[in-house]
Protein backbone atom coordinates (compact mmCIF):
# COMPACT_ATOMS: atom_id res chain seq x y z
CA MET A 1 -22.04 -1.23 8.03
CA ILE A 2 -20.09 -3.92 6.14
CA ALA A 3 -21.78 -2.97 2.85
CA THR A 4 -20.73 0.65 3.48
CA ILE A 5 -17.09 -0.43 3.85
CA LEU A 6 -17.27 -2.49 0.66
CA LYS A 7 -18.65 0.52 -1.23
CA GLN A 8 -15.46 2.40 -0.29
CA VAL A 9 -13.49 -0.07 -2.43
CA SER A 10 -13.43 1.43 -5.92
CA PHE A 11 -14.41 -1.68 -7.83
CA PHE A 12 -17.26 -2.47 -5.39
CA SER A 13 -18.65 1.08 -5.39
CA GLY A 14 -20.68 0.58 -8.58
CA LEU A 15 -22.33 -2.63 -7.43
CA SER A 16 -26.00 -2.64 -6.47
CA ASN A 17 -27.11 -3.63 -2.97
CA THR A 18 -28.14 -7.02 -4.37
CA GLU A 19 -24.69 -7.53 -5.87
CA LEU A 20 -23.03 -6.35 -2.64
CA ASN A 21 -25.05 -8.90 -0.72
CA LYS A 22 -23.70 -11.57 -3.07
CA VAL A 23 -20.17 -10.41 -2.28
CA LEU A 24 -20.89 -10.51 1.44
CA ALA A 25 -22.27 -14.03 1.08
CA ILE A 26 -18.96 -15.30 -0.33
CA ALA A 27 -16.59 -13.19 1.80
CA GLY A 28 -15.37 -14.27 5.20
CA THR A 29 -13.41 -12.13 7.66
CA LYS A 30 -10.14 -12.80 9.45
CA LYS A 31 -8.16 -10.83 12.04
CA TYR A 32 -4.38 -10.43 12.06
CA SER A 33 -2.28 -9.07 14.90
CA CYS A 34 0.46 -6.51 14.27
CA GLY A 35 3.47 -8.21 12.66
CA GLN A 36 1.56 -11.33 11.60
CA LEU A 37 2.06 -12.54 8.03
CA VAL A 38 -1.04 -12.77 5.85
CA PHE A 39 0.97 -14.69 3.26
CA ALA A 40 4.59 -15.02 2.16
CA LYS A 41 6.21 -14.58 -1.23
CA GLU A 42 6.03 -17.81 -3.27
CA ASP A 43 3.06 -19.13 -1.29
CA LEU A 44 0.29 -20.59 -3.41
CA GLY A 45 -2.43 -17.96 -3.88
CA GLY A 46 -5.84 -19.04 -2.67
CA ASN A 47 -7.60 -15.86 -1.53
CA PHE A 48 -8.33 -12.25 -2.46
CA PHE A 49 -8.27 -9.73 0.40
CA VAL A 50 -9.89 -6.38 1.18
CA VAL A 51 -8.76 -4.36 4.20
CA LYS A 52 -11.70 -3.89 6.57
CA SER A 53 -9.60 -2.15 9.24
CA GLY A 54 -5.93 -1.62 10.09
CA ARG A 55 -2.95 -1.40 7.73
CA ILE A 56 -1.20 -4.04 5.60
CA LYS A 57 2.39 -3.87 4.35
CA ILE A 58 3.21 -5.39 0.95
CA PHE A 59 6.92 -6.19 0.60
CA THR A 60 9.53 -8.53 -0.83
CA THR A 61 12.82 -9.87 0.53
CA VAL A 62 15.89 -9.94 -1.70
CA GLY A 63 19.18 -11.73 -1.18
CA SER A 64 20.33 -11.99 2.42
CA GLY A 65 17.27 -10.47 4.05
CA LYS A 66 17.15 -7.05 2.37
CA LYS A 67 13.54 -5.84 2.17
CA LYS A 68 11.70 -3.60 -0.29
CA THR A 69 8.28 -2.28 0.74
CA PHE A 70 5.89 -1.68 -2.14
CA ALA A 71 2.91 -0.23 -0.31
CA PHE A 72 1.00 0.23 2.92
CA LEU A 73 -2.66 -0.58 2.29
CA LYS A 74 -5.42 0.91 4.43
CA LYS A 75 -9.16 0.43 4.92
CA GLY A 76 -10.98 -0.16 1.63
CA GLU A 77 -7.91 -1.24 -0.39
CA PHE A 78 -7.35 -4.73 -1.79
CA PHE A 79 -4.48 -7.14 -2.46
CA GLY A 80 -3.76 -10.74 -3.39
CA GLU A 81 -5.28 -10.57 -6.86
CA MET A 82 -2.14 -11.20 -8.93
CA SER A 83 -1.73 -14.89 -8.13
CA LEU A 84 -5.45 -15.41 -8.80
CA LEU A 85 -5.28 -13.75 -12.24
CA GLY A 86 -2.50 -15.83 -13.73
CA GLY A 87 0.43 -16.31 -11.41
CA LYS A 88 0.12 -19.39 -9.25
CA THR A 89 2.30 -18.16 -6.40
CA ARG A 90 2.44 -14.89 -4.49
CA SER A 91 4.79 -12.32 -6.03
CA ALA A 92 5.29 -10.53 -2.68
CA SER A 93 4.59 -10.94 1.02
CA ALA A 94 1.78 -9.30 3.00
CA GLN A 95 2.04 -8.48 6.71
CA ALA A 96 -0.16 -6.66 9.20
CA ALA A 97 1.56 -3.35 10.01
CA GLU A 98 -0.93 -2.93 12.86
CA ASP A 99 -3.83 -4.98 14.21
CA SER A 100 -6.02 -5.55 11.15
CA GLU A 101 -9.18 -7.26 9.96
CA LEU A 102 -9.61 -8.41 6.37
CA PHE A 103 -12.41 -9.54 4.10
CA VAL A 104 -11.33 -12.84 2.52
CA ILE A 105 -12.76 -14.06 -0.80
CA PRO A 106 -11.66 -17.57 -1.96
CA ARG A 107 -10.28 -18.12 -5.47
CA LYS A 108 -13.37 -19.78 -6.96
CA ASN A 109 -15.66 -17.01 -5.67
CA PHE A 110 -13.25 -14.33 -6.92
CA LYS A 111 -13.39 -15.84 -10.41
CA ARG A 112 -17.18 -15.87 -10.26
CA LEU A 113 -17.17 -12.16 -9.41
CA ILE A 114 -15.03 -11.45 -12.46
CA LEU A 115 -17.22 -13.50 -14.81
CA GLU A 116 -20.56 -12.22 -13.55
CA ASN A 117 -19.77 -8.51 -12.95
CA PRO A 118 -18.21 -6.62 -15.91
CA ASP A 119 -18.05 -3.37 -13.87
CA PHE A 120 -16.10 -5.16 -11.16
CA THR A 121 -13.64 -6.52 -13.75
CA LEU A 122 -13.12 -3.12 -15.43
CA LYS A 123 -12.49 -1.41 -12.09
CA LEU A 124 -10.10 -4.16 -11.08
CA MET A 125 -8.14 -3.63 -14.32
CA HIS A 126 -8.14 0.14 -13.74
CA THR A 127 -6.62 -0.31 -10.28
CA LEU A 128 -3.98 -2.71 -11.62
CA VAL A 129 -2.99 -0.14 -14.26
CA GLU A 130 -2.64 2.51 -11.53
CA ARG A 131 -0.34 0.19 -9.60
CA LEU A 132 1.78 -0.51 -12.68
CA ASN A 133 2.09 3.24 -13.26
CA LYS A 134 3.24 3.65 -9.66
CA CYS A 135 5.89 0.96 -10.21
CA ASP A 136 7.09 2.73 -13.36
CA LYS A 137 7.35 5.97 -11.38
CA GLU A 138 9.41 4.25 -8.66
CA ILE A 139 11.78 2.78 -11.25
CA GLU A 140 12.20 6.21 -12.85
CA SER A 141 12.86 7.75 -9.43
CA MET A 142 15.51 5.14 -8.60
CA LEU A 143 17.25 5.74 -11.93
CA PHE A 144 17.17 9.53 -12.08
CA HIS A 145 16.61 10.94 -8.57
CA ASN A 146 19.04 11.16 -5.69
CA ILE A 147 18.17 9.81 -2.26
CA LEU A 148 16.88 13.22 -1.11
CA GLY A 149 14.38 13.42 -3.96
CA ARG A 150 13.30 9.82 -3.49
CA LEU A 151 12.78 10.36 0.24
CA ALA A 152 10.74 13.53 -0.38
CA ASP A 153 8.58 11.65 -2.89
CA ALA A 154 8.08 8.75 -0.46
CA ILE A 155 7.06 11.09 2.38
CA LEU A 156 4.46 12.74 0.14
CA GLU A 157 3.12 9.38 -1.02
CA LEU A 158 2.91 7.86 2.47
CA SER A 159 1.27 10.95 3.98
CA LYS A 160 -1.30 11.65 1.26
CA ASP A 161 -4.20 10.36 3.38
CA LYS A 162 -3.19 12.41 6.43
CA HIS A 163 -5.28 15.51 7.11
CA SER A 164 -3.77 17.03 10.25
CA LYS A 165 -2.25 20.52 10.16
CA PRO A 166 0.72 20.21 10.00
CA VAL A 167 0.73 16.74 8.44
CA LYS A 168 2.12 14.12 10.82
CA MET A 169 2.75 10.40 10.48
CA ALA A 170 4.36 7.67 12.54
CA ILE A 171 7.08 5.80 10.63
CA ASP A 172 10.55 4.67 11.62
CA GLN A 173 13.71 5.00 9.55
CA ASN A 174 13.89 1.26 8.84
CA GLU A 175 10.40 1.37 7.31
CA LEU A 176 11.39 4.35 5.16
CA ALA A 177 14.56 2.56 4.05
CA GLN A 178 12.59 -0.54 3.07
CA TYR A 179 10.07 1.59 1.18
CA LEU A 180 12.93 3.18 -0.78
CA GLY A 181 14.73 -0.12 -1.29
CA THR A 182 17.90 1.08 0.43
CA THR A 183 19.56 0.95 3.86
CA ARG A 184 18.98 3.01 6.99
CA VAL A 185 22.22 5.07 6.84
CA PRO A 186 21.49 7.10 3.66
CA VAL A 187 17.88 7.60 4.78
CA CYS A 188 19.08 8.93 8.14
CA ARG A 189 21.39 11.39 6.35
CA ALA A 190 18.60 12.53 4.02
CA ILE A 191 16.21 13.02 6.95
CA ASN A 192 18.78 15.16 8.74
CA THR A 193 19.26 17.26 5.59
CA LEU A 194 15.51 17.89 5.33
CA LYS A 195 15.39 18.72 9.04
CA ARG A 196 18.23 21.24 8.79
CA SER A 197 16.46 22.86 5.83
CA GLY A 198 13.26 23.26 7.85
CA VAL A 199 11.28 21.05 5.45
CA ILE A 200 10.38 18.36 8.01
CA ASP A 201 10.81 17.56 11.66
CA TYR A 202 11.50 14.01 12.81
CA HIS A 203 11.70 12.80 16.39
CA ARG A 204 11.24 9.34 17.92
CA GLY A 205 9.47 7.86 14.93
CA GLU A 206 7.14 10.79 14.24
CA LEU A 207 7.62 12.74 11.03
CA VAL A 208 6.08 16.22 10.62
CA ILE A 209 5.89 18.04 7.28
CA LEU A 210 6.75 21.69 7.91
CA ASN A 211 7.03 22.91 4.31
CA ALA A 212 4.97 20.83 1.85
CA ALA A 213 5.70 23.10 -1.12
CA ARG A 214 9.44 22.74 -0.62
CA LEU A 215 9.06 18.98 -0.19
CA ARG A 216 7.19 18.75 -3.51
CA SER A 217 9.92 20.80 -5.18
CA ILE A 218 12.64 18.49 -3.88
CA SER A 219 10.67 15.44 -5.03
CA GLY A 220 10.30 16.90 -8.51
CA GLN A 221 6.51 17.04 -8.32
CA ALA A 222 4.68 19.90 -10.00
CA GLU A 223 2.88 22.38 -7.77
């Protein structure tokens, strides 16, 4: 069961059962309740994490408490690698967005994985490149898109693993504002604009996509 979960992580998927058993031998598990910090920005980095279950929010705090959410990580995704690959302290904070359980691999064992498994290292680099590309896209969106386009893009990104018809997700306006790096008021206005246009519905923290094609058009994404 645990090996099956590890195989869902892209850079573990190519490992043999023997290699997976080696990973399991060096990985512990730890549970976090909703709202509990896994680590804070500027903490010394000592562990690499893989989400076994639940959802983890990666965010930073700027100035007088303003937050910017970078990602919500789900089962099979990893985090905590940056401070182990060069930076000595954490570049962002990680918090359980719901009750979660994580695989935890200590620094020395993480380094051994990199040195002994070239496929693991290449896949790790590939994932880091994908994340850098996502950051570049967010910067471009902040520079050239209005709040409506940015919100549409964020809704599409956050709902991409949802498979209900119509697509639904639970997220409050404060979370959306933090994901966009702005405040709640402009997000509330943008949500109301999308609602009036029949693109989404939003009520008591539940967002429903009513017209995905129109949402992609507003976000600037190609069909």
